[in-house]
Amino acid sequence: MIILDCVPAGVIPPKGGGTKRIHNINLFLSKYYKILMFSHGIRKFEFKLPLNSWVKKINYNYYEVRYIDPYFIISSYLLNKLYNIGPIFSSNFLFINNPNFVKNLINSSDIIKIEHPWQFKYFHNMNKKKVPIILTLHDIGIELALQTIKNGFLKKKLIKIISTMEDFAIKNADKIIVVSEDDKKRLKEIYGTENKKVVVVPNGVNTKEFKSTSNKEEIKKKYGMENKKVVIFSGWKHIPNLHAVNQIIKISKDLNEKNVVFIIIGSVGEFFKKIKSNNIIFTGYVDKVDDYFAMADLALNPMISGTGTNIKILEYLSYGIPTITTKKGCRGYNLINRKEALICDLKEFPEKISYLLNNDIMRNKLSFYGKKFAKKYDWNNIAKIEKKIYDDII
């Protein structure tokens, strides 16, 4: 069986939460099916001239087919820059170019899986064989848009476009995958979606990758962090992550503890290049987070926006890092407060950071039970839920 997985952005190598989900589930499914992943566009760290499409073999049964369209890239860049919007016009550019190789991919597939609604209309209309189409909603697009789109004269128009695209995809998909029971409930409230059409496949974590193996003090010394308490946040260039970092900047000013360093890991830090701070470090894009996680005394997840669920919190817990989070940051997970994480309002973060940094017993407790919680969400366990969808639908 051949699964065509369609993504409106580059996936390999996976960097953000969404691409990690796509890749890890595909890796598992490729043990049983052939996975052809069509991805549209290019990311900043991949950009080099000349702009050419390519095919990358991941394993014997899993391939990424990357389609590079300069006009789509320009459109996506401008939308992101001006309005904080993702690549919502992927279908439009596919209709304009209508590449033959994409039509061949569609004709060779037994199931079409669409990640996000933005490519759905094209693949739905080109699906002449009428094979089953599965839609994966990593978040509720219209809710995220209302939270994150910048004001401008096109704001209302763009929100209407997003709502229409998402509604079309939801109504025409044979099956819909969401990441939490909360999102399933919201689909019914917003679009009237039938519950039997929607399956919850949670986000997960690679527990082998996010496993503490390094000596904390040695790593701290390597980075000049001796005698420092290290508090981390990780994230890519996603607007809810930007909102969270703004909160951390405020928290860092309200904290009374000395010798605390906040490290912001990942491309979200590129939004804050002009910020000068004695106790905040912005790494920018990094290939590996291992050292930063290894020297962390605490992790923060002060999310105030976003939909779906956060993968980063599972990564913190899997690594055994005591974590402080808002309710928004742990949405979709049934974390127990003061056992698996500290869950509190933003105004309490400075107090909770001080409390944890000075309480070895509570830090050890959160580390132990956090790891135990994360194990349930290993990608192999999560992917088995999705595999059952394909087995049932064929």
Protein backbone atom coordinates (compact mmCIF):
# COMPACT_ATOMS: atom_id res chain seq x y z
CA MET A 1 0.00 0.00 0.00
CA ILE A 2 1.23 3.51 -0.87
CA ILE A 3 0.43 6.50 1.34
CA LEU A 4 0.89 9.93 -0.21
CA ASP A 5 1.53 12.39 2.62
CA CYS A 6 1.13 16.04 1.53
CA VAL A 7 2.76 18.89 3.47
CA PRO A 8 2.79 22.63 2.62
CA ALA A 9 6.37 23.07 3.90
CA GLY A 10 9.69 21.25 4.12
CA VAL A 11 9.93 18.38 6.60
CA ILE A 12 13.35 16.71 6.39
CA PRO A 13 15.26 17.46 8.58
CA PRO A 14 12.43 17.91 11.12
CA LYS A 15 12.89 20.95 13.35
CA GLY A 16 9.55 22.24 14.66
CA GLY A 17 6.90 20.29 16.52
CA GLY A 18 4.73 19.71 13.44
CA THR A 19 7.55 18.35 11.28
CA LYS A 20 8.70 16.08 14.11
CA ARG A 21 5.20 14.64 14.32
CA ILE A 22 4.98 14.06 10.56
CA HIS A 23 8.42 12.48 10.32
CA ASN A 24 8.22 10.21 13.37
CA ILE A 25 4.80 8.85 12.43
CA ASN A 26 5.96 8.28 8.85
CA LEU A 27 9.07 6.47 10.07
CA PHE A 28 6.89 4.02 11.98
CA LEU A 29 4.36 3.60 9.16
CA SER A 30 7.16 2.95 6.65
CA LYS A 31 7.71 -0.42 8.35
CA TYR A 32 4.35 -1.47 6.89
CA TYR A 33 3.58 0.81 3.91
CA LYS A 34 5.41 2.80 1.28
CA ILE A 35 5.41 6.51 2.23
CA LEU A 36 5.73 9.15 -0.48
CA MET A 37 5.84 12.54 1.21
CA PHE A 38 5.18 15.52 -1.05
CA SER A 39 6.43 18.73 0.58
CA HIS A 40 5.99 22.17 -0.95
CA GLY A 41 8.43 25.01 -0.28
CA ILE A 42 11.75 25.65 1.41
CA ARG A 43 12.94 26.77 4.85
CA LYS A 44 15.44 29.54 5.52
CA PHE A 45 18.30 27.21 6.54
CA GLU A 46 17.79 25.15 3.35
CA PHE A 47 17.85 28.13 0.98
CA LYS A 48 20.56 28.09 -1.65
CA LEU A 49 20.73 28.93 -5.33
CA PRO A 50 19.82 27.58 -7.78
CA LEU A 51 16.38 26.65 -6.45
CA ASN A 52 15.71 23.11 -7.60
CA SER A 53 13.26 20.44 -6.50
CA TRP A 54 14.67 17.19 -5.12
CA VAL A 55 13.90 13.69 -3.89
CA LYS A 56 15.39 12.40 -0.64
CA LYS A 57 15.37 8.74 0.36
CA ILE A 58 14.79 8.42 4.11
CA ASN A 59 14.73 4.62 4.18
CA TYR A 60 13.86 1.78 1.82
CA ASN A 61 10.13 2.59 2.10
CA TYR A 62 10.02 6.33 2.81
CA TYR A 63 10.82 9.24 0.44
CA GLU A 64 10.44 13.01 0.62
CA VAL A 65 9.64 14.64 -2.73
CA ARG A 66 10.34 18.36 -2.32
CA TYR A 67 8.72 20.73 -4.82
CA ILE A 68 10.36 24.14 -5.12
CA ASP A 69 8.19 26.88 -6.61
CA PRO A 70 9.83 30.35 -6.37
CA TYR A 71 6.53 32.25 -6.61
CA PHE A 72 5.00 30.18 -3.81
CA ILE A 73 8.11 30.78 -1.70
CA ILE A 74 7.83 34.56 -2.21
CA SER A 75 4.10 34.51 -1.42
CA SER A 76 4.63 32.48 1.77
CA TYR A 77 7.48 34.70 2.91
CA LEU A 78 5.42 37.88 2.48
CA LEU A 79 2.37 36.43 4.24
CA ASN A 80 4.50 35.33 7.15
CA LYS A 81 6.35 38.64 7.35
CA LEU A 82 3.29 40.87 7.01
CA TYR A 83 0.57 38.86 8.76
CA ASN A 84 2.15 35.94 10.71
CA ILE A 85 0.42 33.43 8.43
CA GLY A 86 1.66 30.06 7.22
CA PRO A 87 1.67 28.80 3.60
CA ILE A 88 -2.10 28.90 3.10
CA PHE A 89 -1.96 29.36 -0.69
CA SER A 90 -0.24 26.06 -1.47
CA SER A 91 -3.30 24.74 -3.34
CA ASN A 92 -3.58 27.91 -5.42
CA PHE A 93 -0.01 27.60 -6.71
CA LEU A 94 -0.42 23.87 -7.32
CA PHE A 95 -3.51 24.55 -9.43
CA ILE A 96 -1.56 27.16 -11.43
CA ASN A 97 1.46 24.92 -12.10
CA ASN A 98 -0.31 21.54 -11.95
CA PRO A 99 2.98 19.56 -12.12
CA ASN A 100 2.76 16.24 -13.93
CA PHE A 101 4.90 14.44 -11.36
CA VAL A 102 2.41 15.42 -8.62
CA LYS A 103 -0.46 14.00 -10.67
CA ASN A 104 1.57 10.80 -11.02
CA LEU A 105 2.06 10.66 -7.25
CA ILE A 106 -1.69 11.01 -6.75
CA ASN A 107 -2.49 8.31 -9.31
CA SER A 108 -0.06 5.87 -7.70
CA SER A 109 -1.38 6.26 -4.15
CA ASP A 110 -3.86 4.12 -2.21
CA ILE A 111 -4.46 6.71 0.52
CA ILE A 112 -3.88 10.46 0.48
CA LYS A 113 -3.03 12.12 3.77
CA ILE A 114 -3.12 15.92 3.94
CA GLU A 115 -1.22 17.71 6.73
CA HIS A 116 -3.08 21.00 7.39
CA PRO A 117 -5.99 22.20 5.18
CA TRP A 118 -3.93 24.39 2.82
CA GLN A 119 -3.32 21.77 0.10
CA PHE A 120 -6.57 19.92 0.51
CA LYS A 121 -8.59 21.38 -2.36
CA TYR A 122 -5.92 20.63 -4.97
CA PHE A 123 -5.44 17.01 -3.96
CA HIS A 124 -9.18 16.51 -3.52
CA ASN A 125 -9.90 17.78 -7.03
CA MET A 126 -7.02 15.81 -8.60
CA ASN A 127 -8.03 12.59 -6.84
CA LYS A 128 -9.59 10.98 -9.93
CA LYS A 129 -9.29 7.48 -8.45
CA LYS A 130 -11.32 8.61 -5.44
CA VAL A 131 -8.96 7.00 -2.96
CA PRO A 132 -9.62 7.81 0.74
CA ILE A 133 -8.34 11.19 1.93
CA ILE A 134 -7.30 11.67 5.54
CA LEU A 135 -6.91 15.20 6.91
CA THR A 136 -4.54 15.85 9.82
CA LEU A 137 -5.23 19.05 11.75
CA HIS A 138 -2.15 19.88 13.83
CA ASP A 139 -4.21 22.73 15.27
CA ILE A 140 -7.52 24.46 14.59
CA GLY A 141 -6.52 26.83 11.80
CA ILE A 142 -9.19 29.46 12.30
CA GLU A 143 -8.55 29.67 16.06
CA LEU A 144 -4.80 30.03 15.56
CA ALA A 145 -5.39 32.70 12.90
CA LEU A 146 -7.62 34.74 15.22
CA GLN A 147 -4.90 34.61 17.90
CA THR A 148 -1.87 35.38 15.76
CA ILE A 149 -2.68 37.30 12.54
CA LYS A 150 -1.30 40.83 12.62
CA ASN A 151 -3.70 43.70 12.04
CA GLY A 152 -3.80 45.05 8.51
CA PHE A 153 -6.22 45.87 5.74
CA LEU A 154 -6.27 42.22 4.59
CA LYS A 155 -6.80 40.69 8.04
CA LYS A 156 -10.56 40.06 7.72
CA LYS A 157 -10.12 38.74 4.17
CA LEU A 158 -7.37 36.33 5.22
CA ILE A 159 -9.38 35.04 8.19
CA LYS A 160 -12.32 34.39 5.85
CA ILE A 161 -10.05 32.52 3.41
CA ILE A 162 -8.63 30.35 6.21
CA SER A 163 -12.10 29.56 7.55
CA THR A 164 -13.37 28.62 4.07
CA MET A 165 -10.35 26.40 3.32
CA GLU A 166 -10.58 24.61 6.65
CA ASP A 167 -14.34 24.12 6.33
CA PHE A 168 -13.96 22.63 2.82
CA ALA A 169 -11.25 20.24 3.97
CA ILE A 170 -13.20 19.11 7.03
CA LYS A 171 -16.40 18.50 5.08
CA ASN A 172 -14.68 16.56 2.27
CA ALA A 173 -12.18 14.44 4.20
CA ASP A 174 -13.00 10.79 4.71
CA LYS A 175 -11.34 10.86 8.12
CA ILE A 176 -9.95 13.67 10.27
CA ILE A 177 -7.06 13.30 12.72
CA VAL A 178 -6.73 15.80 15.57
CA VAL A 179 -4.17 15.91 18.37
CA SER A 180 -6.47 16.20 21.40
CA GLU A 181 -10.00 15.68 22.69
CA ASP A 182 -10.22 19.46 23.09
CA ASP A 183 -9.62 19.95 19.35
CA LYS A 184 -12.21 17.28 18.54
CA LYS A 185 -14.73 19.16 20.66
CA ARG A 186 -13.87 22.49 19.02
CA LEU A 187 -14.35 21.04 15.53
CA LYS A 188 -17.89 20.07 16.43
CA GLU A 189 -18.57 23.50 17.95
CA ILE A 190 -17.10 25.51 15.06
CA TYR A 191 -17.86 23.37 11.99
CA GLY A 192 -20.49 20.89 13.23
CA THR A 193 -18.16 17.96 12.50
CA GLU A 194 -19.52 14.51 13.32
CA ASN A 195 -17.59 12.84 16.15
CA LYS A 196 -17.41 9.49 14.33
CA LYS A 197 -15.41 11.15 11.53
CA VAL A 198 -12.72 12.44 13.92
CA VAL A 199 -9.95 10.38 15.53
CA VAL A 200 -7.58 11.66 18.22
CA VAL A 201 -3.92 10.80 17.58
CA PRO A 202 -1.93 12.74 20.21
CA ASN A 203 1.42 14.38 19.73
CA GLY A 204 4.39 12.40 20.98
CA VAL A 205 8.09 12.38 21.72
CA ASN A 206 11.11 10.32 20.73
CA THR A 207 11.98 9.03 24.20
CA LYS A 208 15.29 7.62 22.96
CA GLU A 209 16.37 10.99 21.59
CA PHE A 210 15.27 13.02 24.63
CA LYS A 211 16.97 10.94 27.28
CA SER A 212 19.42 12.41 29.78
CA THR A 213 22.88 10.84 29.39
CA SER A 214 25.30 13.75 29.94
CA ASN A 215 26.94 15.10 33.09
CA LYS A 216 25.22 18.39 33.88
CA GLU A 217 28.18 20.09 35.57
CA GLU A 218 30.62 19.16 32.79
CA ILE A 219 28.25 20.59 30.17
CA LYS A 220 27.75 23.77 32.20
CA LYS A 221 31.51 24.21 32.44
CA LYS A 222 31.83 23.72 28.67
CA TYR A 223 29.47 26.68 28.11
CA GLY A 224 30.81 28.87 30.92
CA MET A 225 27.75 28.27 33.09
CA GLU A 226 29.52 27.09 36.26
CA ASN A 227 27.64 28.14 39.40
CA LYS A 228 24.67 29.19 37.25
CA LYS A 229 21.10 27.95 37.39
CA VAL A 230 19.99 27.30 33.82
CA VAL A 231 16.34 27.75 32.81
CA ILE A 232 15.42 26.85 29.21
CA PHE A 233 12.70 27.36 26.63
CA SER A 234 12.86 25.85 23.13
CA GLY A 235 10.91 26.73 20.02
CA TRP A 236 10.95 27.46 16.32
CA LYS A 237 9.65 30.54 14.51
CA HIS A 238 6.03 30.00 15.48
CA ILE A 239 4.05 33.03 16.69
CA PRO A 240 2.80 31.40 19.93
CA ASN A 241 6.48 30.73 20.77
CA LEU A 242 7.24 34.40 20.20
CA HIS A 243 4.44 35.30 22.63
CA ALA A 244 5.94 32.88 25.18
CA VAL A 245 9.43 34.40 24.88
CA ASN A 246 7.99 37.87 25.50
CA GLN A 247 6.61 36.46 28.75
CA ILE A 248 10.01 35.01 29.69
CA ILE A 249 11.64 38.43 29.17
CA LYS A 250 9.13 39.87 31.67
CA ILE A 251 9.65 36.96 34.08
CA SER A 252 13.44 37.41 33.98
CA LYS A 253 13.03 41.00 35.19
CA ASP A 254 10.73 40.02 38.07
CA LEU A 255 12.90 37.16 39.35
CA ASN A 256 14.79 37.83 42.58
CA GLU A 257 17.11 34.81 42.29
CA LYS A 258 20.76 35.52 41.49
CA ASN A 259 22.92 33.54 39.04
CA VAL A 260 19.96 32.43 36.91
CA VAL A 261 20.43 32.31 33.15
CA PHE A 262 17.50 31.90 30.75
CA ILE A 263 18.46 30.16 27.49
CA ILE A 264 16.04 30.49 24.56
CA ILE A 265 16.85 27.62 22.20
CA GLY A 266 15.88 27.60 18.53
CA SER A 267 14.93 29.89 15.69
CA VAL A 268 12.32 31.77 17.76
CA GLY A 269 15.30 33.64 19.20
CA GLU A 270 15.91 35.27 15.82
CA PHE A 271 12.91 37.54 16.56
CA PHE A 272 14.87 38.98 19.50
CA LYS A 273 18.27 39.80 17.98
CA LYS A 274 18.15 43.39 19.26
CA ILE A 275 17.38 42.42 22.85
CA LYS A 276 20.35 42.97 25.18
CA SER A 277 20.11 41.16 28.51
CA ASN A 278 22.54 40.04 31.19
CA ASN A 279 20.56 36.91 32.03
CA ILE A 280 18.96 35.82 28.71
CA ILE A 281 20.81 34.01 25.93
CA PHE A 282 19.24 33.52 22.48
CA THR A 283 20.93 30.65 20.66
CA GLY A 284 19.06 31.06 17.36
CA TYR A 285 18.73 27.99 15.16
CA VAL A 286 20.70 24.99 16.45
CA ASP A 287 21.22 21.54 14.91
CA LYS A 288 21.03 19.76 18.27
CA VAL A 289 19.56 20.73 21.62
CA ASP A 290 21.28 17.98 23.62
CA ASP A 291 23.79 20.12 25.54
CA TYR A 292 21.22 22.79 26.40
CA PHE A 293 18.76 20.20 27.72
CA ALA A 294 21.56 18.43 29.60
CA MET A 295 22.55 21.52 31.59
CA ALA A 296 18.99 22.71 32.28
CA ASP A 297 17.86 22.93 35.90
CA LEU A 298 14.33 23.94 34.88
CA ALA A 299 12.25 24.28 31.71
CA LEU A 300 9.52 26.87 31.15
CA ASN A 301 6.44 26.66 28.96
CA PRO A 302 4.67 30.02 29.45
CA MET A 303 2.36 29.65 26.46
CA ILE A 304 -0.50 32.15 26.15
CA SER A 305 -1.62 31.35 22.58
CA GLY A 306 -1.76 28.47 20.12
CA THR A 307 -4.03 25.49 19.51
CA GLY A 308 -3.34 21.77 19.23
CA THR A 309 -0.83 20.51 21.81
CA ASN A 310 2.79 21.36 22.64
CA ILE A 311 5.43 18.79 21.74
CA LYS A 312 8.13 20.73 23.59
CA ILE A 313 6.61 19.95 26.98
CA LEU A 314 6.87 16.21 26.26
CA GLU A 315 10.51 16.73 25.28
CA TYR A 316 11.26 18.51 28.57
CA LEU A 317 9.53 15.79 30.59
CA SER A 318 11.16 12.96 28.65
CA TYR A 319 14.57 14.44 29.42
CA GLY A 320 13.68 14.65 33.10
CA ILE A 321 13.75 18.46 33.31
CA PRO A 322 11.43 19.84 36.01
CA THR A 323 8.93 21.97 34.13
CA ILE A 324 6.73 24.97 34.92
CA THR A 325 3.87 25.52 32.50
CA THR A 326 0.67 27.47 32.04
CA LYS A 327 -2.60 25.59 31.55
CA LYS A 328 -2.43 26.70 27.92
CA GLY A 329 1.03 25.17 27.62
CA CYS A 330 -0.12 21.72 28.73
CA ARG A 331 -3.50 21.75 26.97
CA GLY A 332 -4.53 18.33 25.74
CA TYR A 333 -2.40 16.48 28.29
CA ASN A 334 -3.77 15.32 31.63
CA LEU A 335 -0.72 16.40 33.62
CA ILE A 336 -1.05 16.30 37.39
CA ASN A 337 0.01 19.54 39.03
CA ARG A 338 2.93 19.24 41.48
CA LYS A 339 3.53 15.64 40.41
CA GLU A 340 4.47 15.69 36.71
CA ALA A 341 4.84 19.47 36.30
CA LEU A 342 4.07 22.71 38.06
CA ILE A 343 0.99 24.26 36.44
CA CYS A 344 0.29 27.89 37.28
CA ASP A 345 -0.66 31.34 36.01
CA LEU A 346 1.99 33.54 34.42
CA LYS A 347 2.07 35.91 37.41
CA GLU A 348 3.20 32.98 39.59
CA PHE A 349 6.17 31.98 37.40
CA PRO A 350 8.87 34.02 39.23
CA GLU A 351 7.72 32.63 42.58
CA LYS A 352 7.57 29.04 41.24
CA ILE A 353 11.02 29.32 39.63
CA SER A 354 12.53 30.42 42.96
CA TYR A 355 10.65 27.67 44.79
CA LEU A 356 11.88 24.91 42.48
CA LEU A 357 15.47 26.11 42.27
CA ASN A 358 15.66 25.89 46.05
CA ASN A 359 13.77 22.61 46.49
CA ASP A 360 15.75 19.53 45.46
CA ILE A 361 13.03 17.14 46.62
CA MET A 362 10.34 18.70 44.44
CA ARG A 363 12.69 18.94 41.42
CA ASN A 364 13.55 15.24 41.75
CA LYS A 365 9.87 14.33 42.10
CA LEU A 366 8.88 16.28 38.98
CA SER A 367 11.81 14.79 37.06
CA PHE A 368 10.88 11.20 37.98
CA TYR A 369 7.15 11.43 37.31
CA GLY A 370 7.61 13.67 34.27
CA LYS A 371 9.76 11.01 32.58
CA LYS A 372 7.21 8.35 33.47
CA PHE A 373 4.41 10.45 31.96
CA ALA A 374 6.34 11.09 28.72
CA LYS A 375 6.97 7.38 28.12
CA LYS A 376 3.26 6.90 27.40
CA TYR A 377 3.64 9.31 24.48
CA ASP A 378 6.55 7.64 22.72
CA TRP A 379 6.06 8.02 18.95
CA ASN A 380 5.90 4.26 18.45
CA ASN A 381 2.86 4.11 20.74
CA ILE A 382 1.25 7.11 19.05
CA ALA A 383 1.89 5.85 15.51
CA LYS A 384 0.14 2.55 16.28
CA ILE A 385 -3.09 4.51 16.78
CA GLU A 386 -2.68 6.09 13.34
CA LYS A 387 -1.77 2.79 11.69
CA LYS A 388 -5.11 1.37 12.82
CA ILE A 389 -6.88 4.14 10.87
CA TYR A 390 -5.22 3.03 7.63
CA ASP A 391 -5.82 -0.65 8.32
CA ASP A 392 -9.52 0.03 8.95
CA ILE A 393 -10.02 2.32 5.96
CA ILE A 394 -8.63 -0.05 3.30
